[in-house]
Amino acid sequence: MNQKFSSRESLLADCPNCRQPSLMLLKSASGRKKEDLLACKSCKLAMFAEELKKQLFTV
């Protein structure tokens, strides 16, 4: 799996788990399917961006 962390501090967001500004976008390529993965540097939470979207925008 090819993984690259972004080094720009301005790209960090608040983590939904620990509420610290340490959530970053991690590009993940698994096989033929590319998916965006979000990872927190402080609490080690990792989730796909689509899962977070579903949690945020459910009615």
C-alpha atoms as a PDB file:
ATOM      1  CA  MET A   1       0.000   0.000   0.000  1.00  0.00           C
ATOM      2  CA  ASN A   2       1.378   3.384  -0.972  1.00  0.00           C
ATOM      3  CA  GLN A   3       0.864   5.995   1.768  1.00  0.00           C
ATOM      4  CA  LYS A   4       2.020   9.601   1.898  1.00  0.00           C
ATOM      5  CA  PHE A   5       1.383  12.072   4.714  1.00  0.00           C
ATOM      6  CA  SER A   6       0.870  15.726   3.945  1.00  0.00           C
ATOM      7  CA  SER A   7       3.416  17.905   5.685  1.00  0.00           C
ATOM      8  CA  ARG A   8       1.450  21.159   5.616  1.00  0.00           C
ATOM      9  CA  GLU A   9       0.028  22.186   8.981  1.00  0.00           C
ATOM     10  CA  SER A  10      -2.703  24.247   7.277  1.00  0.00           C
ATOM     11  CA  LEU A  11      -4.259  21.049   5.903  1.00  0.00           C
ATOM     12  CA  LEU A  12      -4.941  19.601   9.360  1.00  0.00           C
ATOM     13  CA  ALA A  13      -8.514  19.427  10.634  1.00  0.00           C
ATOM     14  CA  ASP A  14     -10.145  18.675  13.990  1.00  0.00           C
ATOM     15  CA  CYS A  15     -10.417  14.969  14.746  1.00  0.00           C
ATOM     16  CA  PRO A  16     -13.976  13.787  15.527  1.00  0.00           C
ATOM     17  CA  ASN A  17     -12.597  11.388  18.142  1.00  0.00           C
ATOM     18  CA  CYS A  18     -10.094  13.389  20.238  1.00  0.00           C
ATOM     19  CA  ARG A  19     -11.074  16.937  19.091  1.00  0.00           C
ATOM     20  CA  GLN A  20      -7.411  17.853  18.470  1.00  0.00           C
ATOM     21  CA  PRO A  21      -6.394  19.675  15.252  1.00  0.00           C
ATOM     22  CA  SER A  22      -4.385  16.703  13.985  1.00  0.00           C
ATOM     23  CA  LEU A  23      -6.578  14.968  11.392  1.00  0.00           C
ATOM     24  CA  MET A  24      -4.876  14.746   8.007  1.00  0.00           C
ATOM     25  CA  LEU A  25      -5.672  13.345   4.602  1.00  0.00           C
ATOM     26  CA  LEU A  26      -3.754  10.222   3.713  1.00  0.00           C
ATOM     27  CA  LYS A  27      -3.905   9.031   0.119  1.00  0.00           C
ATOM     28  CA  SER A  28      -4.281   5.276  -0.005  1.00  0.00           C
ATOM     29  CA  ALA A  29      -4.123   3.117  -3.101  1.00  0.00           C
ATOM     30  CA  SER A  30      -5.199  -0.483  -2.693  1.00  0.00           C
ATOM     31  CA  GLY A  31      -5.204  -2.478  -5.911  1.00  0.00           C
ATOM     32  CA  ARG A  32      -7.175  -0.771  -8.669  1.00  0.00           C
ATOM     33  CA  LYS A  33      -9.425   1.163  -6.304  1.00  0.00           C
ATOM     34  CA  LYS A  34      -8.212   4.511  -4.892  1.00  0.00           C
ATOM     35  CA  GLU A  35      -9.740   5.765  -1.662  1.00  0.00           C
ATOM     36  CA  ASP A  36      -8.947   8.719   0.575  1.00  0.00           C
ATOM     37  CA  LEU A  37      -8.085   7.837   4.147  1.00  0.00           C
ATOM     38  CA  LEU A  38      -8.154  10.261   7.086  1.00  0.00           C
ATOM     39  CA  ALA A  39      -5.707   9.662   9.929  1.00  0.00           C
ATOM     40  CA  CYS A  40      -5.271  11.421  13.267  1.00  0.00           C
ATOM     41  CA  LYS A  41      -1.706  11.918  14.512  1.00  0.00           C
ATOM     42  CA  SER A  42      -2.663  12.200  18.188  1.00  0.00           C
ATOM     43  CA  CYS A  43      -5.206   9.406  18.799  1.00  0.00           C
ATOM     44  CA  LYS A  44      -4.291   7.180  15.803  1.00  0.00           C
ATOM     45  CA  LEU A  45      -7.867   7.139  14.455  1.00  0.00           C
ATOM     46  CA  ALA A  46      -8.052   6.086  10.806  1.00  0.00           C
ATOM     47  CA  MET A  47     -11.171   6.125   8.660  1.00  0.00           C
ATOM     48  CA  PHE A  48     -12.138   6.493   5.025  1.00  0.00           C
ATOM     49  CA  ALA A  49     -13.333   9.934   3.936  1.00  0.00           C
ATOM     50  CA  GLU A  50     -16.609   8.472   2.645  1.00  0.00           C
ATOM     51  CA  GLU A  51     -17.399   7.031   6.092  1.00  0.00           C
ATOM     52  CA  LEU A  52     -16.836  10.414   7.719  1.00  0.00           C
ATOM     53  CA  LYS A  53     -19.085  12.075   5.122  1.00  0.00           C
ATOM     54  CA  LYS A  54     -21.849   9.580   5.896  1.00  0.00           C
ATOM     55  CA  GLN A  55     -21.537  10.285   9.630  1.00  0.00           C
ATOM     56  CA  LEU A  56     -21.599  14.047   9.161  1.00  0.00           C
ATOM     57  CA  PHE A  57     -24.433  14.279   6.653  1.00  0.00           C
ATOM     58  CA  THR A  58     -26.932  11.708   7.956  1.00  0.00           C
ATOM     59  CA  VAL A  59     -30.339  13.085   8.842  1.00  0.00           C
END
